[in-house]
Every structure is written in C-alpha cells, then in structure tokens.
C-alpha cells in the first residue's frame, strides 16, 4: 500500500470498497484546524455538501496553539519574487505555479478573514523574517484583534469556528480518526475509512477528499 498524507491508501480492488456507507457527502475534510476550516468554507460556498472529521474532541488543531499570525502581502508580484529568493537561498525545491497561487491568494487573506464574521478587525505585527531580501517590504504578518489579554490564536480560531459551525452549519464528526483512504479502479479517492466510538465507519465522498490533517509538527 502507498501512503498519502500519512495514511495508508486502501487497496483499489473492488473488494476493498465498502458495500454500504455510514455517511455520504460531497466533500470530506480530514482535520479541523485552520486548513480544514478554510477548505470546508470554500467548498460549502461553492455549493458542496461538506463533512469535517477530526480525531480530537474539539477543533482547532495547530491553529489554536499557534501565534495567530497570518501572511498578507501588499503586492503579489513582489511577494512572489521575495519568496523565490528565499527558496534559492535555502537551496530548497519549489513549484512556481504553486507559489504563484499562494501569493495571489495571500494578498486577499485579510479580506477573506474579516468577511467570515461581522465585526472582525485585523492588525499588522511585523513583516518579513529576512528584511534584507528583495521584496521584503511587501510582506505583512497580520492578526485578528480581540479582547485585551486574549491569545491571538483564540481570536483567529473563533472567527473560523463561527464561519464553519454557526454561519454555515457544516457537519463535523469529532473524536473520529481517519485510518485509510479508499480508491476506485481508476485510482480516484472516493472515501475515507475512519474510527469512531471504537468501530470503523465508511464515509463516501462524491466529489473530493481534502487532507488537512498535518501541521508544522
């Protein structure tokens, strides 16, 4: 078996595909941290029925214990050049198409986050980690503002949780750990086998399975 996202991929043979499903949805998001929340919101806003599964008793993931900062450059082209230089200096591989998509989306991050919950305010706290590298002036580290003394990560997660759970009422299964993926004869991922309350359950995805189960650790 091959590994995808840290989980063993199920055998693609017909016998490996469950005959019945415990749950069926359009999109499954595996993991309910910041990445899972954003993926679920985007899919739901495009008309898909979404189910999030999370192995812990509550959502948050690494986002809930992070610094609460997010990147929002002022200029996508300059940010692209800055990050390309960082990759070169680090002798690291990069995908220019992925990097382009990242910076094009990153310049809109502040607007995206403030649009998730009415009254959300954001601020700027610092810039590029390597200010001597060209294009550093466009890099902004931003945060969600909140009550004095409250952790910025809590402020950020409150916005995500509101957008997912209250505004869109996206279905969530907590204490549900993904165990393996199921593919069809064409190699397409069509389901997730998860463990919940001591037994395995089969969840079918009509459109996609999005793996958002791994953070910086």
N, C-alpha and C. Protein backbone atom coordinates (compact mmCIF):
# COMPACT_ATOMS: atom_id res chain seq x y z
N UNK A 1 0.86 -1.20 0.00
CA UNK A 1 0.00 0.00 0.00
C UNK A 1 0.89 1.24 0.00
N UNK A 2 0.42 2.29 -0.63
CA UNK A 2 1.16 3.54 -0.63
C UNK A 2 0.58 4.48 0.40
N UNK A 3 1.41 5.41 0.85
CA UNK A 3 0.96 6.35 1.87
C UNK A 3 0.58 7.67 1.25
N UNK A 4 -0.54 8.22 1.65
CA UNK A 4 -0.98 9.54 1.21
C UNK A 4 -1.32 10.35 2.45
N UNK A 5 -0.62 11.47 2.64
CA UNK A 5 -0.92 12.32 3.78
C UNK A 5 -0.76 11.62 5.11
N UNK A 6 0.16 10.66 5.17
CA UNK A 6 0.41 9.98 6.43
C UNK A 6 -0.52 8.83 6.71
N UNK A 7 -1.45 8.54 5.80
CA UNK A 7 -2.39 7.44 5.99
C UNK A 7 -2.20 6.42 4.89
N UNK A 8 -2.32 5.13 5.17
CA UNK A 8 -2.19 4.12 4.12
C UNK A 8 -3.37 4.19 3.17
N UNK A 9 -3.09 4.14 1.90
CA UNK A 9 -4.17 4.14 0.90
C UNK A 9 -4.76 2.76 0.79
N UNK A 10 -6.08 2.68 0.80
CA UNK A 10 -6.75 1.39 0.70
C UNK A 10 -6.51 0.78 -0.67
N UNK A 11 -6.53 -0.53 -0.71
CA UNK A 11 -6.38 -1.25 -1.97
C UNK A 11 -7.51 -0.83 -2.92
N UNK A 12 -7.16 -0.63 -4.18
CA UNK A 12 -8.16 -0.15 -5.15
C UNK A 12 -9.05 -1.26 -5.68
N UNK A 13 -8.79 -2.50 -5.28
CA UNK A 13 -9.61 -3.60 -5.76
C UNK A 13 -11.06 -3.43 -5.33
N UNK A 14 -11.96 -3.94 -6.14
CA UNK A 14 -13.39 -3.74 -5.87
C UNK A 14 -13.78 -4.26 -4.49
N UNK A 15 -13.12 -5.33 -4.05
CA UNK A 15 -13.47 -5.89 -2.76
C UNK A 15 -13.16 -4.99 -1.60
N UNK A 16 -12.28 -3.97 -1.80
CA UNK A 16 -11.91 -3.05 -0.73
C UNK A 16 -12.92 -1.93 -0.58
N UNK A 17 -13.81 -1.78 -1.54
CA UNK A 17 -14.80 -0.71 -1.48
C UNK A 17 -16.00 -1.19 -0.67
N UNK A 18 -16.36 -0.48 0.41
CA UNK A 18 -17.49 -0.92 1.23
C UNK A 18 -18.77 -1.03 0.42
N UNK A 19 -19.61 -1.97 0.80
CA UNK A 19 -20.89 -2.14 0.12
C UNK A 19 -21.93 -1.15 0.63
N UNK A 20 -21.76 -0.69 1.87
CA UNK A 20 -22.68 0.29 2.45
C UNK A 20 -21.85 1.42 3.06
N UNK A 21 -22.48 2.56 3.19
CA UNK A 21 -21.81 3.75 3.72
C UNK A 21 -22.50 4.22 4.99
N UNK A 22 -21.70 4.58 5.98
CA UNK A 22 -22.26 5.17 7.20
C UNK A 22 -22.64 6.62 6.98
N UNK A 23 -21.88 7.29 6.13
CA UNK A 23 -22.15 8.68 5.79
C UNK A 23 -21.80 8.89 4.32
N UNK A 24 -22.55 9.78 3.66
CA UNK A 24 -22.24 10.19 2.30
C UNK A 24 -22.31 11.70 2.21
N UNK A 25 -21.37 12.30 1.50
CA UNK A 25 -21.32 13.74 1.36
C UNK A 25 -20.63 14.08 0.05
N UNK A 26 -20.51 15.35 -0.27
CA UNK A 26 -19.78 15.74 -1.48
C UNK A 26 -18.28 15.83 -1.21
N UNK A 27 -17.92 16.55 -0.15
CA UNK A 27 -16.52 16.79 0.18
C UNK A 27 -16.26 16.40 1.63
N UNK A 28 -15.20 15.63 1.85
CA UNK A 28 -14.75 15.30 3.20
C UNK A 28 -13.47 16.08 3.47
N UNK A 29 -13.42 16.80 4.58
CA UNK A 29 -12.20 17.45 5.03
C UNK A 29 -11.68 16.67 6.23
N UNK A 30 -10.49 16.11 6.11
CA UNK A 30 -9.90 15.32 7.18
C UNK A 30 -9.02 16.23 8.03
N UNK A 31 -9.53 16.63 9.20
CA UNK A 31 -8.80 17.53 10.07
C UNK A 31 -9.51 18.87 10.19
N UNK A 32 -9.71 19.31 11.42
CA UNK A 32 -10.45 20.56 11.65
C UNK A 32 -9.57 21.58 12.37
N UNK A 33 -8.50 21.99 11.67
CA UNK A 33 -7.72 23.14 12.09
C UNK A 33 -8.01 24.27 11.12
N UNK A 34 -7.08 25.20 11.02
CA UNK A 34 -7.28 26.32 10.11
C UNK A 34 -7.42 25.90 8.66
N UNK A 35 -6.59 24.94 8.23
CA UNK A 35 -6.66 24.48 6.84
C UNK A 35 -7.99 23.79 6.56
N UNK A 36 -8.41 22.93 7.48
CA UNK A 36 -9.68 22.23 7.30
C UNK A 36 -10.86 23.18 7.29
N UNK A 37 -10.82 24.17 8.18
CA UNK A 37 -11.89 25.15 8.24
C UNK A 37 -11.99 25.92 6.93
N UNK A 38 -10.85 26.39 6.42
CA UNK A 38 -10.86 27.16 5.18
C UNK A 38 -11.30 26.32 3.99
N UNK A 39 -10.83 25.08 3.92
CA UNK A 39 -11.24 24.20 2.82
C UNK A 39 -12.74 23.94 2.88
N UNK A 40 -13.24 23.69 4.07
CA UNK A 40 -14.67 23.41 4.23
C UNK A 40 -15.52 24.62 3.85
N UNK A 41 -15.08 25.79 4.27
CA UNK A 41 -15.81 27.02 3.95
C UNK A 41 -15.84 27.24 2.43
N UNK A 42 -14.69 27.08 1.79
CA UNK A 42 -14.61 27.29 0.35
C UNK A 42 -15.50 26.31 -0.41
N UNK A 43 -15.47 25.04 0.01
CA UNK A 43 -16.30 24.04 -0.66
C UNK A 43 -17.78 24.31 -0.45
N UNK A 44 -18.14 24.65 0.78
CA UNK A 44 -19.56 24.93 1.08
C UNK A 44 -20.05 26.14 0.30
N UNK A 45 -19.22 27.18 0.21
CA UNK A 45 -19.63 28.39 -0.50
C UNK A 45 -19.77 28.16 -2.00
N UNK A 46 -19.21 27.06 -2.50
CA UNK A 46 -19.37 26.72 -3.91
C UNK A 46 -20.49 25.70 -4.12
N UNK A 47 -21.26 25.49 -3.08
CA UNK A 47 -22.45 24.67 -3.22
C UNK A 47 -22.31 23.22 -2.84
N UNK A 48 -21.16 22.81 -2.33
CA UNK A 48 -20.96 21.40 -1.97
C UNK A 48 -21.45 21.12 -0.56
N UNK A 49 -21.91 19.91 -0.37
CA UNK A 49 -22.22 19.43 0.97
C UNK A 49 -20.91 18.93 1.58
N UNK A 50 -20.60 19.38 2.79
CA UNK A 50 -19.28 19.13 3.38
C UNK A 50 -19.40 18.43 4.72
N UNK A 51 -18.47 17.52 4.97
CA UNK A 51 -18.35 16.87 6.27
C UNK A 51 -16.89 16.98 6.71
N UNK A 52 -16.68 17.47 7.93
CA UNK A 52 -15.35 17.53 8.52
C UNK A 52 -15.22 16.40 9.53
N UNK A 53 -14.10 15.66 9.49
CA UNK A 53 -13.84 14.69 10.55
C UNK A 53 -12.56 15.11 11.28
N UNK A 54 -12.59 14.99 12.60
CA UNK A 54 -11.49 15.45 13.46
C UNK A 54 -11.25 14.41 14.54
N UNK A 55 -10.00 14.00 14.71
CA UNK A 55 -9.68 12.94 15.67
C UNK A 55 -9.79 13.40 17.13
N UNK A 56 -9.61 14.72 17.36
CA UNK A 56 -9.67 15.22 18.72
C UNK A 56 -11.12 15.51 19.12
N UNK A 57 -11.32 15.82 20.39
CA UNK A 57 -12.67 16.09 20.89
C UNK A 57 -13.20 17.45 20.45
N UNK A 58 -12.29 18.31 20.00
CA UNK A 58 -12.71 19.63 19.52
C UNK A 58 -11.77 20.08 18.41
N UNK A 59 -12.21 21.05 17.63
CA UNK A 59 -11.40 21.54 16.54
C UNK A 59 -10.33 22.51 17.03
N UNK A 60 -9.55 22.98 16.10
CA UNK A 60 -8.51 23.96 16.42
C UNK A 60 -7.16 23.56 15.87
N UNK A 61 -6.78 22.31 16.10
CA UNK A 61 -5.50 21.84 15.59
C UNK A 61 -4.35 22.75 15.98
N UNK A 62 -3.37 22.83 15.10
CA UNK A 62 -2.22 23.70 15.37
C UNK A 62 -2.58 25.18 15.32
N UNK A 63 -3.63 25.51 14.59
CA UNK A 63 -4.05 26.91 14.51
C UNK A 63 -4.40 27.45 15.89
N UNK A 64 -5.02 26.63 16.72
CA UNK A 64 -5.45 27.07 18.04
C UNK A 64 -4.30 27.26 19.02
N UNK A 65 -3.13 26.72 18.69
CA UNK A 65 -1.97 26.87 19.58
C UNK A 65 -0.84 27.60 18.87
N UNK A 66 -1.14 28.27 17.78
CA UNK A 66 -0.13 29.00 17.01
C UNK A 66 0.02 30.42 17.54
N UNK A 67 0.81 31.22 16.84
CA UNK A 67 0.96 32.63 17.20
C UNK A 67 -0.27 33.44 16.79
N UNK A 68 -1.11 32.84 15.95
CA UNK A 68 -2.29 33.56 15.47
C UNK A 68 -1.99 34.53 14.35
N UNK A 69 -0.79 34.47 13.79
CA UNK A 69 -0.41 35.38 12.71
C UNK A 69 -0.67 34.73 11.35
N UNK A 70 -0.98 35.55 10.37
CA UNK A 70 -1.13 35.07 9.00
C UNK A 70 -0.48 36.07 8.05
N UNK A 71 -0.02 35.56 6.92
CA UNK A 71 0.69 36.38 5.95
C UNK A 71 -0.29 37.03 4.98
N UNK A 72 -0.10 38.34 4.78
CA UNK A 72 -0.93 39.05 3.82
C UNK A 72 -0.08 40.12 3.13
N UNK A 73 0.63 39.77 2.06
CA UNK A 73 1.47 40.74 1.36
C UNK A 73 0.63 41.85 0.74
N UNK A 74 1.27 43.00 0.51
CA UNK A 74 0.56 44.11 -0.14
C UNK A 74 0.67 44.03 -1.65
N UNK A 75 1.63 43.26 -2.15
CA UNK A 75 1.86 43.17 -3.60
C UNK A 75 2.23 41.74 -3.96
N UNK A 76 1.40 41.08 -4.76
CA UNK A 76 1.62 39.67 -5.09
C UNK A 76 2.90 39.46 -5.87
N UNK A 77 3.20 40.34 -6.84
CA UNK A 77 4.38 40.16 -7.67
C UNK A 77 5.66 40.29 -6.85
N UNK A 78 5.71 41.29 -5.97
CA UNK A 78 6.89 41.47 -5.13
C UNK A 78 7.02 40.33 -4.12
N UNK A 79 5.89 39.86 -3.62
CA UNK A 79 5.92 38.74 -2.67
C UNK A 79 6.42 37.48 -3.36
N UNK A 80 6.01 37.29 -4.61
CA UNK A 80 6.47 36.14 -5.38
C UNK A 80 7.99 36.17 -5.53
N UNK A 81 8.53 37.33 -5.89
CA UNK A 81 9.96 37.47 -6.03
C UNK A 81 10.70 37.26 -4.72
N UNK A 82 10.15 37.79 -3.65
CA UNK A 82 10.77 37.63 -2.33
C UNK A 82 10.84 36.16 -1.93
N UNK A 83 9.76 35.45 -2.09
CA UNK A 83 9.73 34.05 -1.70
C UNK A 83 10.59 33.18 -2.61
N UNK A 84 10.63 33.52 -3.89
CA UNK A 84 11.53 32.78 -4.79
C UNK A 84 12.97 32.91 -4.34
N UNK A 85 13.35 34.12 -3.92
CA UNK A 85 14.72 34.32 -3.44
C UNK A 85 14.98 33.52 -2.16
N UNK A 86 13.99 33.44 -1.28
CA UNK A 86 14.16 32.65 -0.06
C UNK A 86 14.38 31.17 -0.38
N UNK A 87 13.62 30.66 -1.34
CA UNK A 87 13.81 29.27 -1.76
C UNK A 87 15.22 29.07 -2.31
N UNK A 88 15.69 30.02 -3.12
CA UNK A 88 17.02 29.90 -3.71
C UNK A 88 18.10 29.95 -2.64
N UNK A 89 17.96 30.87 -1.69
CA UNK A 89 18.95 30.99 -0.62
C UNK A 89 19.00 29.74 0.25
N UNK A 90 17.85 29.09 0.39
CA UNK A 90 17.77 27.88 1.21
C UNK A 90 18.12 26.61 0.42
N UNK A 91 18.40 26.79 -0.89
CA UNK A 91 18.66 25.63 -1.76
C UNK A 91 17.52 24.63 -1.67
N UNK A 92 16.31 25.16 -1.65
CA UNK A 92 15.11 24.33 -1.49
C UNK A 92 14.35 24.25 -2.81
N UNK A 93 13.69 23.12 -3.02
CA UNK A 93 12.87 22.96 -4.21
C UNK A 93 11.58 23.77 -4.06
N UNK A 94 11.08 24.25 -5.18
CA UNK A 94 9.80 24.97 -5.16
C UNK A 94 9.07 24.73 -6.46
N UNK A 95 7.78 24.91 -6.41
CA UNK A 95 6.92 24.79 -7.59
C UNK A 95 6.41 26.19 -7.88
N UNK A 96 6.81 26.77 -9.00
CA UNK A 96 6.47 28.17 -9.30
C UNK A 96 4.97 28.36 -9.44
N UNK A 97 4.26 27.37 -9.98
CA UNK A 97 2.81 27.50 -10.13
C UNK A 97 2.12 27.52 -8.77
N UNK A 98 2.58 26.64 -7.87
CA UNK A 98 2.01 26.61 -6.53
C UNK A 98 2.33 27.90 -5.79
N UNK A 99 3.57 28.37 -5.92
CA UNK A 99 3.97 29.61 -5.26
C UNK A 99 3.16 30.79 -5.79
N UNK A 100 2.92 30.81 -7.09
CA UNK A 100 2.11 31.89 -7.67
C UNK A 100 0.69 31.86 -7.12
N UNK A 101 0.11 30.69 -7.04
CA UNK A 101 -1.25 30.57 -6.50
C UNK A 101 -1.28 31.01 -5.03
N UNK A 102 -0.21 30.66 -4.30
CA UNK A 102 -0.13 31.03 -2.88
C UNK A 102 -0.14 32.54 -2.71
N UNK A 103 0.74 33.26 -3.42
CA UNK A 103 0.82 34.71 -3.21
C UNK A 103 -0.42 35.41 -3.74
N UNK A 104 -0.99 34.90 -4.83
CA UNK A 104 -2.22 35.51 -5.35
C UNK A 104 -3.35 35.42 -4.34
N UNK A 105 -3.39 34.30 -3.60
CA UNK A 105 -4.40 34.16 -2.57
C UNK A 105 -4.04 34.90 -1.30
N UNK A 106 -2.75 34.94 -0.97
CA UNK A 106 -2.32 35.54 0.29
C UNK A 106 -2.62 37.03 0.36
N UNK A 107 -2.56 37.75 -0.77
CA UNK A 107 -2.83 39.19 -0.73
C UNK A 107 -4.29 39.47 -0.36
N UNK A 108 -5.13 38.46 -0.44
CA UNK A 108 -6.55 38.64 -0.13
C UNK A 108 -6.93 38.06 1.23
N UNK A 109 -5.93 37.57 1.98
CA UNK A 109 -6.23 36.87 3.22
C UNK A 109 -6.95 37.75 4.23
N UNK A 110 -6.52 38.98 4.41
CA UNK A 110 -7.16 39.86 5.39
C UNK A 110 -8.63 40.07 5.06
N UNK A 111 -8.92 40.30 3.78
CA UNK A 111 -10.31 40.49 3.36
C UNK A 111 -11.12 39.21 3.57
N UNK A 112 -10.49 38.07 3.30
CA UNK A 112 -11.16 36.78 3.49
C UNK A 112 -11.55 36.58 4.95
N UNK A 113 -10.61 36.83 5.84
CA UNK A 113 -10.85 36.59 7.27
C UNK A 113 -11.86 37.57 7.83
N UNK A 114 -11.76 38.84 7.48
CA UNK A 114 -12.73 39.81 8.01
C UNK A 114 -14.12 39.55 7.46
N UNK A 115 -14.20 38.88 6.31
CA UNK A 115 -15.50 38.57 5.73
C UNK A 115 -16.17 37.35 6.34
N UNK A 116 -15.44 36.62 7.18
CA UNK A 116 -16.01 35.40 7.77
C UNK A 116 -16.93 35.67 8.94
N UNK A 117 -16.72 36.80 9.61
CA UNK A 117 -17.55 37.14 10.76
C UNK A 117 -17.68 38.65 10.85
N UNK A 118 -18.91 39.13 10.95
CA UNK A 118 -19.13 40.57 11.05
C UNK A 118 -18.41 41.14 12.27
N UNK A 119 -17.79 42.29 12.06
CA UNK A 119 -17.11 42.97 13.16
C UNK A 119 -15.68 42.55 13.39
N UNK A 120 -15.17 41.61 12.59
CA UNK A 120 -13.80 41.15 12.76
C UNK A 120 -12.83 42.26 12.35
N UNK A 121 -11.85 42.53 13.22
CA UNK A 121 -10.83 43.53 12.95
C UNK A 121 -9.46 42.85 12.91
N UNK A 122 -8.61 43.32 12.00
CA UNK A 122 -7.27 42.76 11.90
C UNK A 122 -6.24 43.86 12.06
N UNK A 123 -5.04 43.47 12.49
CA UNK A 123 -3.94 44.41 12.64
C UNK A 123 -2.66 43.82 12.08
N UNK A 124 -1.62 44.63 12.02
CA UNK A 124 -0.32 44.20 11.49
C UNK A 124 0.70 44.15 12.62
N UNK A 125 1.47 43.09 12.65
CA UNK A 125 2.50 42.92 13.67
C UNK A 125 3.75 42.35 13.02
N UNK A 126 4.52 43.22 12.39
CA UNK A 126 5.78 42.79 11.80
C UNK A 126 5.67 42.50 10.32
N UNK A 127 6.85 42.23 9.76
CA UNK A 127 6.93 41.96 8.33
C UNK A 127 7.76 40.74 8.04
N UNK A 128 8.63 40.86 7.06
CA UNK A 128 9.42 39.73 6.61
C UNK A 128 10.43 39.29 7.66
N UNK A 129 10.64 37.99 7.74
CA UNK A 129 11.64 37.46 8.67
C UNK A 129 13.06 37.74 8.20
N UNK A 130 13.22 37.97 6.91
CA UNK A 130 14.53 38.28 6.34
C UNK A 130 14.42 39.61 5.57
N UNK A 131 14.45 40.73 6.28
CA UNK A 131 14.20 42.03 5.65
C UNK A 131 15.25 42.45 4.63
N UNK A 132 16.42 41.79 4.61
CA UNK A 132 17.46 42.13 3.67
C UNK A 132 17.22 41.55 2.29
N UNK A 133 16.27 40.64 2.17
CA UNK A 133 15.97 40.01 0.88
C UNK A 133 14.99 40.88 0.10
N UNK A 134 15.24 41.06 -1.18
CA UNK A 134 14.42 41.92 -2.02
C UNK A 134 12.93 41.60 -1.93
N UNK A 135 12.11 42.65 -1.92
CA UNK A 135 10.67 42.48 -1.83
C UNK A 135 10.14 42.34 -0.42
N UNK A 136 11.04 42.41 0.57
CA UNK A 136 10.62 42.21 1.95
C UNK A 136 9.57 43.22 2.41
N UNK A 137 9.62 44.42 1.84
CA UNK A 137 8.71 45.48 2.28
C UNK A 137 7.25 45.18 2.05
N UNK A 138 6.94 44.24 1.16
CA UNK A 138 5.54 43.91 0.88
C UNK A 138 4.96 42.90 1.86
N UNK A 139 5.83 42.23 2.62
CA UNK A 139 5.37 41.14 3.49
C UNK A 139 4.80 41.69 4.79
N UNK A 140 3.58 41.29 5.10
CA UNK A 140 2.92 41.72 6.34
C UNK A 140 2.46 40.50 7.14
N UNK A 141 2.81 40.47 8.42
CA UNK A 141 2.26 39.47 9.33
C UNK A 141 1.09 40.13 10.07
N UNK A 142 -0.08 39.53 9.94
CA UNK A 142 -1.29 40.14 10.48
C UNK A 142 -1.95 39.23 11.50
N UNK A 143 -2.88 39.79 12.25
CA UNK A 143 -3.57 39.04 13.31
C UNK A 143 -5.00 39.53 13.44
N UNK A 144 -5.83 38.69 14.06
CA UNK A 144 -7.20 39.08 14.37
C UNK A 144 -7.20 39.74 15.74
N UNK A 145 -7.75 40.94 15.81
CA UNK A 145 -7.81 41.67 17.07
C UNK A 145 -8.91 41.11 17.96
N UNK A 146 -8.72 41.24 19.26
CA UNK A 146 -9.71 40.72 20.21
C UNK A 146 -9.57 41.38 21.56
N UNK A 147 -10.23 40.86 22.58
CA UNK A 147 -10.19 41.45 23.92
C UNK A 147 -8.77 41.49 24.47
N UNK A 148 -8.43 42.49 25.28
CA UNK A 148 -7.09 42.58 25.87
C UNK A 148 -6.73 41.32 26.65
N UNK A 149 -5.51 40.86 26.44
CA UNK A 149 -5.02 39.70 27.16
C UNK A 149 -5.39 38.36 26.56
N UNK A 150 -6.22 38.37 25.55
CA UNK A 150 -6.62 37.11 24.93
C UNK A 150 -5.63 36.71 23.84
N UNK A 151 -5.31 35.44 23.75
CA UNK A 151 -4.35 34.94 22.76
C UNK A 151 -4.86 35.19 21.35
N UNK A 152 -3.98 35.61 20.48
CA UNK A 152 -4.36 35.87 19.10
C UNK A 152 -4.85 34.62 18.40
N UNK A 153 -4.27 33.48 18.77
CA UNK A 153 -4.74 32.23 18.17
C UNK A 153 -6.20 31.98 18.50
N UNK A 154 -6.61 32.32 19.72
CA UNK A 154 -8.01 32.15 20.11
C UNK A 154 -8.92 33.07 19.29
N UNK A 155 -8.44 34.30 19.04
CA UNK A 155 -9.22 35.23 18.23
C UNK A 155 -9.42 34.70 16.81
N UNK A 156 -8.33 34.18 16.24
CA UNK A 156 -8.40 33.66 14.88
C UNK A 156 -9.32 32.44 14.81
N UNK A 157 -9.15 31.52 15.77
CA UNK A 157 -9.97 30.31 15.73
C UNK A 157 -11.45 30.62 15.96
N UNK A 158 -11.76 31.62 16.76
CA UNK A 158 -13.15 31.98 16.98
C UNK A 158 -13.82 32.39 15.67
N UNK A 159 -13.07 33.10 14.83
CA UNK A 159 -13.61 33.53 13.54
C UNK A 159 -13.88 32.31 12.65
N UNK A 160 -12.91 31.39 12.59
CA UNK A 160 -13.09 30.19 11.78
C UNK A 160 -14.27 29.35 12.29
N UNK A 161 -14.32 29.12 13.61
CA UNK A 161 -15.38 28.29 14.17
C UNK A 161 -16.75 28.90 13.91
N UNK A 162 -16.85 30.22 14.02
CA UNK A 162 -18.12 30.90 13.74
C UNK A 162 -18.53 30.66 12.29
N UNK A 163 -17.57 30.83 11.37
CA UNK A 163 -17.88 30.69 9.95
C UNK A 163 -18.30 29.27 9.60
N UNK A 164 -17.67 28.29 10.24
CA UNK A 164 -17.97 26.89 9.94
C UNK A 164 -19.23 26.42 10.65
N UNK A 165 -19.26 26.62 11.96
CA UNK A 165 -20.29 25.99 12.79
C UNK A 165 -21.58 26.79 12.90
N UNK A 166 -21.46 28.09 12.98
CA UNK A 166 -22.67 28.91 13.18
C UNK A 166 -23.23 29.46 11.88
N UNK A 167 -22.37 30.05 11.07
CA UNK A 167 -22.86 30.69 9.85
C UNK A 167 -23.26 29.67 8.78
N UNK A 168 -22.40 28.64 8.58
CA UNK A 168 -22.66 27.67 7.52
C UNK A 168 -23.19 26.34 8.04
N UNK A 169 -23.07 26.12 9.32
CA UNK A 169 -23.56 24.89 9.96
C UNK A 169 -23.05 23.64 9.24
N UNK A 170 -21.76 23.63 8.98
CA UNK A 170 -21.12 22.49 8.33
C UNK A 170 -21.04 21.33 9.32
N UNK A 171 -21.35 20.14 8.86
CA UNK A 171 -21.35 18.96 9.73
C UNK A 171 -19.93 18.60 10.15
N UNK A 172 -19.77 18.25 11.43
CA UNK A 172 -18.46 17.89 11.98
C UNK A 172 -18.60 16.63 12.82
N UNK A 173 -17.70 15.68 12.59
CA UNK A 173 -17.60 14.50 13.44
C UNK A 173 -16.29 14.59 14.21
N UNK A 174 -16.36 14.90 15.51
CA UNK A 174 -15.16 14.92 16.33
C UNK A 174 -14.89 13.52 16.89
N UNK A 175 -13.73 13.35 17.49
CA UNK A 175 -13.30 12.05 18.01
C UNK A 175 -13.48 10.97 16.93
N UNK A 176 -13.14 11.35 15.71
CA UNK A 176 -13.25 10.46 14.55
C UNK A 176 -11.93 10.52 13.80
N UNK A 177 -11.15 9.46 13.92
CA UNK A 177 -9.80 9.43 13.33
C UNK A 177 -9.80 8.73 11.99
N UNK A 178 -9.31 9.42 10.96
CA UNK A 178 -9.17 8.80 9.64
C UNK A 178 -8.11 7.72 9.70
N UNK A 179 -8.41 6.56 9.12
CA UNK A 179 -7.50 5.42 9.13
C UNK A 179 -6.92 5.12 7.75
N UNK A 180 -7.74 5.20 6.74
CA UNK A 180 -7.23 4.93 5.40
C UNK A 180 -8.17 5.52 4.35
N UNK A 181 -7.62 5.67 3.16
CA UNK A 181 -8.39 6.16 2.03
C UNK A 181 -8.82 5.00 1.15
N UNK A 182 -9.92 5.17 0.46
CA UNK A 182 -10.43 4.15 -0.45
C UNK A 182 -10.43 4.73 -1.87
N UNK A 183 -9.86 3.97 -2.79
CA UNK A 183 -9.84 4.41 -4.18
C UNK A 183 -10.63 3.43 -5.05
N UNK A 184 -11.11 3.93 -6.18
CA UNK A 184 -11.82 3.05 -7.11
C UNK A 184 -10.84 2.46 -8.11
N UNK A 185 -11.35 1.77 -9.10
CA UNK A 185 -10.48 1.08 -10.07
C UNK A 185 -9.69 2.06 -10.93
N UNK A 186 -10.14 3.32 -11.00
CA UNK A 186 -9.41 4.34 -11.76
C UNK A 186 -8.38 5.08 -10.91
N UNK A 187 -8.28 4.68 -9.65
CA UNK A 187 -7.31 5.32 -8.76
C UNK A 187 -7.83 6.59 -8.10
N UNK A 188 -9.10 6.91 -8.30
CA UNK A 188 -9.68 8.10 -7.69
C UNK A 188 -10.04 7.82 -6.23
N UNK A 189 -9.73 8.76 -5.36
CA UNK A 189 -10.08 8.61 -3.95
C UNK A 189 -11.57 8.91 -3.80
N UNK A 190 -12.31 7.95 -3.29
CA UNK A 190 -13.76 8.10 -3.23
C UNK A 190 -14.32 8.02 -1.80
N UNK A 191 -13.47 7.70 -0.83
CA UNK A 191 -14.00 7.52 0.52
C UNK A 191 -12.88 7.54 1.56
N UNK A 192 -13.31 7.67 2.81
CA UNK A 192 -12.40 7.59 3.95
C UNK A 192 -12.96 6.56 4.92
N UNK A 193 -12.08 5.68 5.40
CA UNK A 193 -12.43 4.77 6.49
C UNK A 193 -11.90 5.40 7.77
N UNK A 194 -12.77 5.60 8.74
CA UNK A 194 -12.39 6.27 9.98
C UNK A 194 -12.81 5.42 11.18
N UNK A 195 -12.24 5.73 12.31
CA UNK A 195 -12.60 5.04 13.55
C UNK A 195 -13.35 6.00 14.46
N UNK A 196 -14.52 5.57 14.90
CA UNK A 196 -15.36 6.40 15.76
C UNK A 196 -16.05 5.52 16.80
N UNK A 197 -15.90 5.87 18.04
CA UNK A 197 -16.50 5.13 19.15
C UNK A 197 -16.14 3.65 19.09
N UNK A 198 -14.88 3.37 18.77
CA UNK A 198 -14.38 2.01 18.80
C UNK A 198 -14.68 1.15 17.60
N UNK A 199 -15.29 1.70 16.57
CA UNK A 199 -15.58 0.90 15.37
C UNK A 199 -15.25 1.69 14.12
N UNK A 200 -15.02 0.97 13.05
CA UNK A 200 -14.72 1.63 11.79
C UNK A 200 -16.01 2.06 11.08
N UNK A 201 -15.96 3.23 10.49
CA UNK A 201 -17.08 3.72 9.70
C UNK A 201 -16.57 4.09 8.31
N UNK A 202 -17.46 3.97 7.34
CA UNK A 202 -17.10 4.27 5.95
C UNK A 202 -17.84 5.52 5.51
N UNK A 203 -17.08 6.49 4.99
CA UNK A 203 -17.66 7.77 4.58
C UNK A 203 -17.35 7.99 3.11
N UNK A 204 -18.38 8.11 2.31
CA UNK A 204 -18.21 8.29 0.88
C UNK A 204 -18.16 9.77 0.52
N UNK A 205 -17.25 10.12 -0.40
CA UNK A 205 -17.15 11.49 -0.91
C UNK A 205 -17.48 11.50 -2.40
N UNK A 206 -18.54 12.18 -2.76
CA UNK A 206 -18.95 12.20 -4.17
C UNK A 206 -18.04 13.07 -5.03
N UNK A 207 -17.39 14.07 -4.40
CA UNK A 207 -16.57 15.00 -5.18
C UNK A 207 -15.08 14.94 -4.82
N UNK A 208 -14.76 15.01 -3.53
CA UNK A 208 -13.34 15.09 -3.17
C UNK A 208 -13.12 14.77 -1.70
N UNK A 209 -11.89 14.30 -1.42
CA UNK A 209 -11.39 14.16 -0.06
C UNK A 209 -10.22 15.13 0.07
N UNK A 210 -10.28 16.03 1.03
CA UNK A 210 -9.23 17.02 1.23
C UNK A 210 -8.50 16.69 2.53
N UNK A 211 -7.20 16.41 2.43
CA UNK A 211 -6.41 16.08 3.61
C UNK A 211 -5.84 17.35 4.22
N UNK A 212 -6.36 17.70 5.38
CA UNK A 212 -5.89 18.87 6.13
C UNK A 212 -5.55 18.44 7.54
N UNK A 213 -4.87 17.29 7.62
CA UNK A 213 -4.65 16.67 8.92
C UNK A 213 -3.23 16.79 9.45
N UNK A 214 -2.39 17.56 8.76
CA UNK A 214 -1.00 17.65 9.22
C UNK A 214 -0.55 19.09 9.31
N UNK A 215 0.06 19.44 10.44
CA UNK A 215 0.56 20.79 10.63
C UNK A 215 2.08 20.81 10.73
N UNK A 216 2.60 21.85 11.36
CA UNK A 216 4.05 22.06 11.36
C UNK A 216 4.82 21.03 12.18
N UNK A 217 4.16 20.30 13.06
CA UNK A 217 4.88 19.31 13.86
C UNK A 217 5.30 18.12 13.02
